[in-house]
Amino acid sequence: MTRFAAIAVSVAAAIVLAGCATPRPLPTPTPTASQTVAPSGDGVLRIGTLFPMSGDVSFIGPAMVAAVEVAVRDINEAGGVLDQPVEVLYRDSGDASQDRLESAFADLVDRGIDVVIGPATSALAERLIPLAADAGVAVISPAATYPTVRAAEPQGFFYRTIPAYDQQAGAIVRALADQGDESVALVTTGDALGFSFELAVRAALQQEGMRLLSIEQLDAGTNVDRLAFSLAGGEPDAVILATGMPLVTQNHALIAALAARGVRGDRLWLTAQNLADYSASVEAGLLEGANGVLEGAVASDELVIRLRQSDPALLSFRYAPETYDAVVLAALAAVLADDDSGRSIARFMPQAAAQGVSCSSFGECLEVLSTQPAIDYQGQSGPLTLDDVGDIVDGELGLYQYTPQSRPERVGTLSIAVR
């Protein structure tokens, strides 16, 4: 697979997955109060997976399955959890348009699972959380990015090993501040996802002492020429396009209209919702120098080799690092709790990647715990500090820059950690 093909696969996955969640108003979450959880496990950590093996995002499922296999093999080779080998059961979650999730989860519960790794979309995560809480099962998603999941009730059972979408806003604003920019214009969508991004942009700008010159909304009926005139008139140092691929035609037209008004590529930032290969739809050179971000780590060469040992047919490794880390964090949480129950795992998840001695594998973390009281797991996907509502607060985003041919190339990473 070429580099551009790999980007296309990753971008396609991000676009499809982003469209699977149903936006809704975003209440401010209240962290779950800390409480003692009585041990209730049976001594064997059983992991159930809910990955898309059918439906419109099934192309990402195989890499996630392979990542679980690799992680469990590493854990068991290091002695297992509570001196017992970890067991795994795999089930198909389907996609948001299907009804496979609930029956698959019920079957996993009947078989005694303690934690679910998955699902891969935000819409399915929102459906799963109340069921998992009722069953006392922890849920760790490697791919659900929508902020709406954060507010799903009840809280305290859901974690993710990938940054939430609105965390891209702060990372972009901090990057702009670091390069000396002072003002920003924002184009977003008129839904809950767009509103969450706007709130995050406002908060980051206030912290950095920067100005928000204008906020515009893009929809199917928007006059892009008027929108470009309004944006360019304020002469912002940067324009953030936090729109979505369902508006792909409007995105193309707006990029061209902004260029005609003098706002060319090097002043644009794209989010994971619209980062894509525009070489066939945008005039050459219009996006040159534009920046973009995309959640999800690039699998290391070593991990790719091991994933292909589990599944030689793999072509995409999207979400494999985050999936591997989800399994290891669940196992470490059980070790820290001295209990394999889902409630204990959920309670101790933040402590597996908190302020402690850094370690980068399950076996290494066990060695640290033999002499030290606290660990900080640094995973395949980077730093993984977790907060009480299940979000990563010290992770990384992929940083991309557009070529003269309007194709995105990965050039580095951006931290989501707040200064």
Protein backbone atom coordinates (compact mmCIF):
# COMPACT_ATOMS: atom_id res chain seq x y z
CA MET A 1 0.00 0.00 0.00
CA THR A 2 1.43 3.43 -0.94
CA ARG A 3 1.67 6.26 1.59
CA PHE A 4 -1.17 8.14 -0.13
CA ALA A 5 -3.29 4.98 -0.23
CA ALA A 6 -2.68 4.47 3.47
CA ILE A 7 -3.77 8.04 4.14
CA ALA A 8 -6.86 7.51 2.06
CA VAL A 9 -7.78 4.41 4.07
CA SER A 10 -7.24 6.24 7.35
CA VAL A 11 -9.18 9.28 6.20
CA ALA A 12 -12.03 7.15 4.88
CA ALA A 13 -12.24 5.37 8.21
CA ALA A 14 -12.32 8.64 10.11
CA ILE A 15 -15.01 10.08 7.84
CA VAL A 16 -17.26 7.02 7.96
CA LEU A 17 -16.90 6.57 11.69
CA ALA A 18 -17.55 10.23 12.37
CA GLY A 19 -20.86 9.97 10.55
CA CYS A 20 -22.07 7.07 12.71
CA ALA A 21 -22.87 9.03 15.86
CA THR A 22 -26.15 10.82 16.36
CA PRO A 23 -25.51 14.42 17.55
CA ARG A 24 -27.48 15.65 20.53
CA PRO A 25 -27.25 18.46 23.08
CA LEU A 26 -24.12 18.26 25.19
CA PRO A 27 -24.67 18.58 28.95
CA THR A 28 -21.60 19.25 31.04
CA PRO A 29 -20.53 15.91 32.54
CA THR A 30 -20.02 15.58 36.27
CA PRO A 31 -17.12 13.29 37.24
CA THR A 32 -18.19 10.16 39.05
CA ALA A 33 -17.43 10.34 42.75
CA SER A 34 -14.57 8.10 43.85
CA GLN A 35 -15.78 5.07 45.75
CA THR A 36 -14.52 1.75 46.96
CA VAL A 37 -15.56 -1.24 44.84
CA ALA A 38 -15.82 -4.60 46.58
CA PRO A 39 -14.00 -7.39 44.69
CA SER A 40 -16.47 -9.54 42.79
CA GLY A 41 -14.48 -11.24 40.04
CA ASP A 42 -14.03 -14.96 39.62
CA GLY A 43 -10.25 -14.82 39.21
CA VAL A 44 -10.16 -14.93 35.38
CA LEU A 45 -10.14 -11.77 33.27
CA ARG A 46 -12.46 -12.35 30.32
CA ILE A 47 -12.44 -9.81 27.52
CA GLY A 48 -15.24 -9.50 24.99
CA THR A 49 -14.73 -7.57 21.77
CA LEU A 50 -17.41 -5.73 19.83
CA PHE A 51 -15.82 -4.76 16.53
CA PRO A 52 -17.49 -4.15 13.15
CA MET A 53 -17.11 -7.34 11.14
CA SER A 54 -20.13 -6.46 9.00
CA GLY A 55 -21.67 -3.20 7.85
CA ASP A 56 -20.24 -0.01 6.39
CA VAL A 57 -17.15 0.19 8.62
CA SER A 58 -16.25 -3.50 8.62
CA PHE A 59 -12.92 -2.77 6.90
CA ILE A 60 -11.44 -1.60 10.23
CA GLY A 61 -12.49 -4.69 12.19
CA PRO A 62 -9.72 -7.13 11.24
CA ALA A 63 -6.88 -4.90 12.46
CA MET A 64 -8.63 -4.41 15.78
CA VAL A 65 -9.11 -8.17 16.21
CA ALA A 66 -5.44 -8.74 15.41
CA ALA A 67 -4.40 -6.07 17.93
CA VAL A 68 -6.38 -7.82 20.67
CA GLU A 69 -4.74 -11.14 19.82
CA VAL A 70 -1.26 -9.58 20.01
CA ALA A 71 -1.97 -7.80 23.29
CA VAL A 72 -3.48 -10.86 24.98
CA ARG A 73 -0.54 -12.97 23.86
CA ASP A 74 1.85 -10.42 25.43
CA ILE A 75 -0.13 -10.36 28.67
CA ASN A 76 -0.32 -14.13 28.98
CA GLU A 77 3.38 -14.53 28.18
CA ALA A 78 4.08 -12.15 31.07
CA GLY A 79 2.14 -14.37 33.47
CA GLY A 80 -1.45 -13.32 32.80
CA VAL A 81 -3.68 -11.34 35.16
CA LEU A 82 -3.88 -12.45 38.79
CA ASP A 83 -1.77 -15.46 37.79
CA GLN A 84 -4.35 -16.67 35.31
CA PRO A 85 -4.35 -16.41 31.48
CA VAL A 86 -6.67 -13.84 29.97
CA GLU A 87 -9.55 -15.21 27.90
CA VAL A 88 -11.10 -13.48 24.86
CA LEU A 89 -14.41 -13.82 23.04
CA TYR A 90 -14.95 -12.02 19.72
CA ARG A 91 -18.33 -10.78 18.51
CA ASP A 92 -19.58 -8.64 15.61
CA SER A 93 -21.00 -5.24 16.63
CA GLY A 94 -22.26 -4.43 13.14
CA ASP A 95 -22.72 -0.75 12.39
CA ALA A 96 -25.14 1.86 13.71
CA SER A 97 -27.79 0.96 11.15
CA GLN A 98 -27.95 -2.65 12.39
CA ASP A 99 -29.25 -4.24 15.61
CA ARG A 100 -26.41 -6.71 16.18
CA LEU A 101 -24.85 -4.85 19.10
CA GLU A 102 -27.38 -5.63 21.80
CA SER A 103 -27.65 -9.36 21.09
CA ALA A 104 -23.88 -9.71 20.74
CA PHE A 105 -23.34 -7.98 24.08
CA ALA A 106 -25.98 -10.12 25.79
CA ASP A 107 -24.20 -13.24 24.57
CA LEU A 108 -20.88 -11.95 25.93
CA VAL A 109 -22.46 -11.23 29.31
CA ASP A 110 -23.89 -14.75 29.43
CA ARG A 111 -20.35 -16.03 28.92
CA GLY A 112 -19.00 -14.05 31.88
CA ILE A 113 -16.99 -11.26 30.28
CA ASP A 114 -15.65 -8.50 32.53
CA VAL A 115 -14.72 -5.84 29.99
CA VAL A 116 -15.64 -4.96 26.40
CA ILE A 117 -13.04 -3.61 23.99
CA GLY A 118 -15.08 -1.59 21.50
CA PRO A 119 -17.33 -0.59 19.93
CA ALA A 120 -15.71 1.38 17.11
CA THR A 121 -18.33 4.11 16.61
CA SER A 122 -19.79 6.72 18.91
CA ALA A 123 -23.38 5.83 18.11
CA LEU A 124 -22.84 2.23 19.18
CA ALA A 125 -20.93 3.31 22.29
CA GLU A 126 -23.88 5.41 23.41
CA ARG A 127 -26.18 2.42 22.96
CA LEU A 128 -23.82 0.12 24.85
CA ILE A 129 -22.98 2.20 27.93
CA PRO A 130 -26.28 1.79 29.84
CA LEU A 131 -26.35 -1.94 29.07
CA ALA A 132 -22.77 -2.36 30.25
CA ALA A 133 -23.41 -0.43 33.46
CA ASP A 134 -26.40 -2.65 34.26
CA ALA A 135 -24.24 -5.73 33.72
CA GLY A 136 -21.25 -4.35 35.64
CA VAL A 137 -19.01 -4.50 32.56
CA ALA A 138 -16.32 -1.93 31.76
CA VAL A 139 -16.22 -0.51 28.22
CA ILE A 140 -13.04 0.73 26.52
CA SER A 141 -13.37 2.05 22.96
CA PRO A 142 -10.35 2.50 20.70
CA ALA A 143 -12.27 4.58 18.14
CA ALA A 144 -15.39 6.37 19.49
CA THR A 145 -14.46 10.06 19.28
CA TYR A 146 -17.70 12.05 19.59
CA PRO A 147 -18.06 14.28 22.67
CA THR A 148 -21.65 13.07 23.07
CA VAL A 149 -20.33 9.76 24.42
CA ARG A 150 -18.76 11.65 27.32
CA ALA A 151 -22.20 12.68 28.56
CA ALA A 152 -23.85 9.26 28.18
CA GLU A 153 -25.40 7.94 31.39
CA PRO A 154 -24.49 6.34 33.65
CA GLN A 155 -20.90 7.52 33.87
CA GLY A 156 -17.95 5.65 35.29
CA PHE A 157 -18.00 2.60 32.98
CA PHE A 158 -16.71 4.06 29.71
CA TYR A 159 -13.16 4.94 28.67
CA ARG A 160 -11.53 5.56 25.32
CA THR A 161 -7.94 5.28 24.17
CA ILE A 162 -8.32 7.88 21.41
CA PRO A 163 -8.74 11.67 21.74
CA ALA A 164 -12.27 13.04 21.55
CA TYR A 165 -13.10 15.19 18.52
CA ASP A 166 -13.40 18.46 20.43
CA GLN A 167 -9.87 18.01 21.80
CA GLN A 168 -8.63 18.76 18.29
CA ALA A 169 -9.76 22.37 18.79
CA GLY A 170 -7.39 23.04 21.65
CA ALA A 171 -4.48 21.33 19.89
CA ILE A 172 -4.97 23.46 16.76
CA VAL A 173 -5.31 26.73 18.69
CA ARG A 174 -2.17 26.01 20.72
CA ALA A 175 -0.26 25.27 17.49
CA LEU A 176 -1.44 28.60 16.06
CA ALA A 177 -0.37 30.43 19.22
CA ASP A 178 3.06 28.81 19.07
CA GLN A 179 3.60 30.16 15.56
CA GLY A 180 2.59 33.67 16.61
CA ASP A 181 -0.95 33.89 15.22
CA GLU A 182 -3.29 36.19 17.11
CA SER A 183 -6.70 35.80 15.45
CA VAL A 184 -8.87 32.95 14.18
CA ALA A 185 -12.05 32.50 12.16
CA LEU A 186 -14.04 29.29 12.55
CA VAL A 187 -16.35 27.49 10.14
CA THR A 188 -18.38 24.70 11.71
CA THR A 189 -21.61 22.75 11.38
CA GLY A 190 -24.86 23.71 13.04
CA ASP A 191 -25.24 20.58 15.14
CA ALA A 192 -24.11 19.27 18.52
CA LEU A 193 -20.74 18.21 17.12
CA GLY A 194 -20.11 21.66 15.70
CA PHE A 195 -21.25 23.33 18.92
CA SER A 196 -18.86 21.22 21.02
CA PHE A 197 -15.99 22.18 18.72
CA GLU A 198 -16.92 25.85 18.94
CA LEU A 199 -16.93 25.75 22.74
CA ALA A 200 -13.51 24.12 22.76
CA VAL A 201 -12.12 26.71 20.34
CA ARG A 202 -13.44 29.55 22.48
CA ALA A 203 -11.91 28.07 25.64
CA ALA A 204 -8.52 27.53 24.00
CA LEU A 205 -8.45 31.01 22.46
CA GLN A 206 -9.23 32.59 25.82
CA GLN A 207 -6.44 30.63 27.46
CA GLU A 208 -3.95 31.66 24.77
CA GLY A 209 -5.08 35.30 24.70
CA MET A 210 -6.13 35.10 21.05
CA ARG A 211 -9.15 36.61 19.27
CA LEU A 212 -12.07 34.83 17.62
CA LEU A 213 -12.97 37.12 14.73
CA SER A 214 -15.96 35.23 13.40
CA ILE A 215 -17.92 32.00 13.59
CA GLU A 216 -19.74 30.82 10.49
CA GLN A 217 -21.85 27.75 9.80
CA LEU A 218 -21.69 25.72 6.62
CA ASP A 219 -24.67 23.69 5.42
CA ALA A 220 -26.14 22.51 2.16
CA GLY A 221 -27.80 25.86 1.51
CA THR A 222 -24.86 28.13 2.33
CA ASN A 223 -23.77 30.72 -0.24
CA VAL A 224 -20.06 29.96 -0.10
CA ASP A 225 -19.05 33.16 -1.91
CA ARG A 226 -20.74 35.28 0.75
CA LEU A 227 -19.28 33.10 3.47
CA ALA A 228 -15.77 33.47 2.04
CA PHE A 229 -16.26 37.26 1.77
CA SER A 230 -17.27 37.43 5.43
CA LEU A 231 -14.35 35.28 6.58
CA ALA A 232 -11.72 37.10 4.53
CA GLY A 233 -13.03 40.53 5.54
CA GLY A 234 -11.83 40.14 9.12
CA GLU A 235 -8.31 39.25 7.92
CA PRO A 236 -7.81 36.36 10.34
CA ASP A 237 -4.38 34.87 10.77
CA ALA A 238 -5.95 31.42 10.38
CA VAL A 239 -9.26 29.83 9.37
CA ILE A 240 -10.30 26.53 10.98
CA LEU A 241 -12.62 24.44 8.81
CA ALA A 242 -14.44 22.13 11.25
CA THR A 243 -16.99 20.92 8.73
CA GLY A 244 -17.85 17.38 7.66
CA MET A 245 -17.57 15.19 4.59
CA PRO A 246 -21.35 15.02 4.11
CA LEU A 247 -20.79 18.62 2.96
CA VAL A 248 -17.97 17.60 0.63
CA THR A 249 -19.26 19.68 -2.31
CA GLN A 250 -19.59 22.77 -0.12
CA ASN A 251 -16.11 22.15 1.33
CA HIS A 252 -14.59 22.14 -2.15
CA ALA A 253 -16.44 25.30 -3.14
CA LEU A 254 -15.53 27.12 0.07
CA ILE A 255 -11.82 26.30 -0.29
CA ALA A 256 -11.87 27.73 -3.82
CA ALA A 257 -13.87 30.81 -2.75
CA LEU A 258 -11.48 31.50 0.13
CA ALA A 259 -8.50 31.24 -2.22
CA ALA A 260 -10.17 33.76 -4.55
CA ARG A 261 -10.42 36.13 -1.57
CA GLY A 262 -6.74 35.71 -0.75
CA VAL A 263 -7.11 33.09 1.99
CA ARG A 264 -4.95 30.36 0.58
CA GLY A 265 -3.89 27.00 1.91
CA ASP A 266 -1.20 28.03 4.37
CA ARG A 267 -3.81 29.85 6.47
CA LEU A 268 -6.24 26.91 6.62
CA TRP A 269 -6.61 24.15 9.22
CA LEU A 270 -8.81 21.10 8.62
CA THR A 271 -10.12 18.72 11.25
CA ALA A 272 -10.61 14.96 11.16
CA GLN A 273 -14.13 15.54 9.87
CA ASN A 274 -12.90 16.85 6.51
CA LEU A 275 -9.24 15.86 6.18
CA ALA A 276 -9.14 14.07 2.83
CA ASP A 277 -7.42 13.79 -0.51
CA TYR A 278 -8.73 16.76 -2.53
CA SER A 279 -6.46 16.23 -5.55
CA ALA A 280 -9.37 15.30 -7.83
CA SER A 281 -11.71 18.07 -6.71
CA VAL A 282 -9.66 21.18 -5.85
CA GLU A 283 -7.45 23.11 -8.24
CA ALA A 284 -3.78 22.24 -7.84
CA GLY A 285 -2.00 24.52 -5.39
CA LEU A 286 -5.07 25.89 -3.59
CA LEU A 287 -4.50 23.75 -0.52
CA GLU A 288 -0.70 23.76 -0.59
CA GLY A 289 0.60 24.32 2.93
CA ALA A 290 -2.76 23.78 4.61
CA ASN A 291 -2.60 21.89 7.88
CA GLY A 292 -4.91 19.20 9.21
CA VAL A 293 -5.26 16.86 12.15
CA LEU A 294 -6.47 13.29 12.43
CA GLU A 295 -6.91 11.19 15.54
CA GLY A 296 -5.26 7.80 15.64
CA ALA A 297 -1.64 6.73 15.95
CA VAL A 298 0.45 5.20 13.19
CA ALA A 299 1.28 1.59 14.00
CA SER A 300 4.99 1.06 14.55
CA ASP A 301 6.89 -1.20 12.17
CA GLU A 302 7.24 -3.77 14.95
CA LEU A 303 3.51 -3.73 15.69
CA VAL A 304 2.68 -4.04 11.98
CA ILE A 305 4.84 -7.15 11.72
CA ARG A 306 3.13 -8.71 14.73
CA LEU A 307 -0.34 -7.78 13.50
CA ARG A 308 0.39 -9.45 10.17
CA GLN A 309 1.53 -12.56 11.99
CA SER A 310 -2.01 -12.74 13.39
CA ASP A 311 -3.67 -11.79 10.10
CA PRO A 312 -1.44 -11.87 6.99
CA ALA A 313 -4.21 -10.31 4.88
CA LEU A 314 -4.23 -6.99 6.76
CA LEU A 315 -3.91 -3.87 4.59
CA SER A 316 -5.02 -1.20 7.06
CA PHE A 317 -3.85 -0.82 10.67
CA ARG A 318 -6.25 1.95 11.65
CA TYR A 319 -7.01 1.89 15.40
CA ALA A 320 -4.72 -1.08 16.04
CA PRO A 321 -2.42 0.85 18.45
CA GLU A 322 -5.42 2.17 20.37
CA THR A 323 -6.94 -1.32 20.54
CA TYR A 324 -3.72 -2.86 21.83
CA ASP A 325 -3.53 -0.19 24.54
CA ALA A 326 -7.17 -0.72 25.54
CA VAL A 327 -6.46 -4.40 26.29
CA VAL A 328 -3.29 -3.64 28.27
CA LEU A 329 -5.00 -0.90 30.30
CA ALA A 330 -7.85 -3.26 31.20
CA ALA A 331 -5.38 -5.89 32.36
CA LEU A 332 -3.35 -3.38 34.38
CA ALA A 333 -6.52 -2.02 36.00
CA ALA A 334 -7.43 -5.55 37.11
CA VAL A 335 -3.95 -6.00 38.56
CA LEU A 336 -4.15 -2.69 40.43
CA ALA A 337 -7.60 -3.60 41.78
CA ASP A 338 -6.52 -7.16 42.59
CA ASP A 339 -9.86 -8.08 41.06
CA ASP A 340 -10.98 -8.94 37.52
CA SER A 341 -14.57 -7.69 37.80
CA GLY A 342 -15.80 -5.05 35.39
CA ARG A 343 -16.65 -2.63 38.17
CA SER A 344 -13.14 -2.84 39.61
CA ILE A 345 -11.56 -2.43 36.19
CA ALA A 346 -13.66 0.67 35.52
CA ARG A 347 -12.71 2.08 38.93
CA PHE A 348 -8.95 1.56 38.47
CA MET A 349 -8.57 2.47 34.78
CA PRO A 350 -7.25 6.02 35.45
CA GLN A 351 -4.64 4.66 37.85
CA ALA A 352 -3.14 2.48 35.13
CA ALA A 353 -2.00 5.56 33.20
CA ALA A 354 -1.60 8.27 35.80
CA GLN A 355 1.21 9.93 37.76
CA GLY A 356 3.58 7.06 38.41
CA VAL A 357 6.66 5.32 37.07
CA SER A 358 6.58 5.17 33.28
CA CYS A 359 6.32 1.71 31.69
CA SER A 360 5.60 0.70 28.10
CA SER A 361 4.38 -2.90 28.26
CA PHE A 362 2.28 -5.09 30.53
CA GLY A 363 5.32 -7.05 31.67
CA GLU A 364 7.36 -3.92 32.35
CA CYS A 365 4.49 -2.39 34.32
CA LEU A 366 4.25 -5.54 36.46
CA GLU A 367 7.95 -5.23 37.23
CA VAL A 368 7.46 -1.60 38.30
CA LEU A 369 4.54 -2.57 40.55
CA SER A 370 6.72 -5.12 42.31
CA THR A 371 8.67 -2.25 43.86
CA GLN A 372 6.62 0.91 43.28
CA PRO A 373 3.00 1.77 44.14
CA ALA A 374 2.05 3.64 40.94
CA ILE A 375 2.55 3.26 37.18
CA ASP A 376 2.08 5.40 34.09
CA TYR A 377 1.51 3.16 31.07
CA GLN A 378 2.86 4.73 27.87
CA GLY A 379 1.32 2.76 25.06
CA GLN A 380 1.52 1.99 21.38
CA SER A 381 -0.64 5.06 20.73
CA GLY A 382 1.45 7.42 22.88
CA PRO A 383 0.77 8.94 26.31
CA LEU A 384 -2.56 7.84 27.74
CA THR A 385 -3.34 9.80 30.90
CA LEU A 386 -7.06 9.32 31.62
CA ASP A 387 -9.53 11.51 33.50
CA ASP A 388 -12.56 10.54 35.55
CA VAL A 389 -15.00 10.85 32.65
CA GLY A 390 -13.06 8.43 30.47
CA ASP A 391 -11.15 10.82 28.21
CA ILE A 392 -7.46 10.92 27.36
CA VAL A 393 -6.02 14.20 28.61
CA ASP A 394 -2.42 13.67 27.48
CA GLY A 395 -2.46 12.12 24.03
CA GLU A 396 -1.44 12.92 20.48
CA LEU A 397 -3.04 13.73 17.14
CA GLY A 398 -1.54 13.16 13.73
CA LEU A 399 -0.44 16.42 12.08
CA TYR A 400 -0.82 16.60 8.30
CA GLN A 401 0.20 19.14 5.67
CA TYR A 402 -1.15 19.42 2.12
CA THR A 403 1.09 19.02 -0.91
CA PRO A 404 0.79 21.16 -4.06
CA GLN A 405 -1.42 18.34 -5.41
CA SER A 406 -3.88 18.86 -2.52
CA ARG A 407 -3.02 15.59 -0.82
CA PRO A 408 -2.41 15.33 2.95
CA GLU A 409 0.92 14.00 4.15
CA ARG A 410 1.60 13.20 7.80
CA VAL A 411 4.41 15.44 9.06
CA GLY A 412 4.30 14.97 12.83
CA THR A 413 2.04 15.03 15.86
CA LEU A 414 0.21 17.56 18.03
CA SER A 415 -0.32 17.11 21.74
CA ILE A 416 -3.84 17.44 23.15
CA ALA A 417 -2.52 18.22 26.64
CA VAL A 418 -3.70 21.57 27.98
CA ARG A 419 -0.89 23.87 28.96
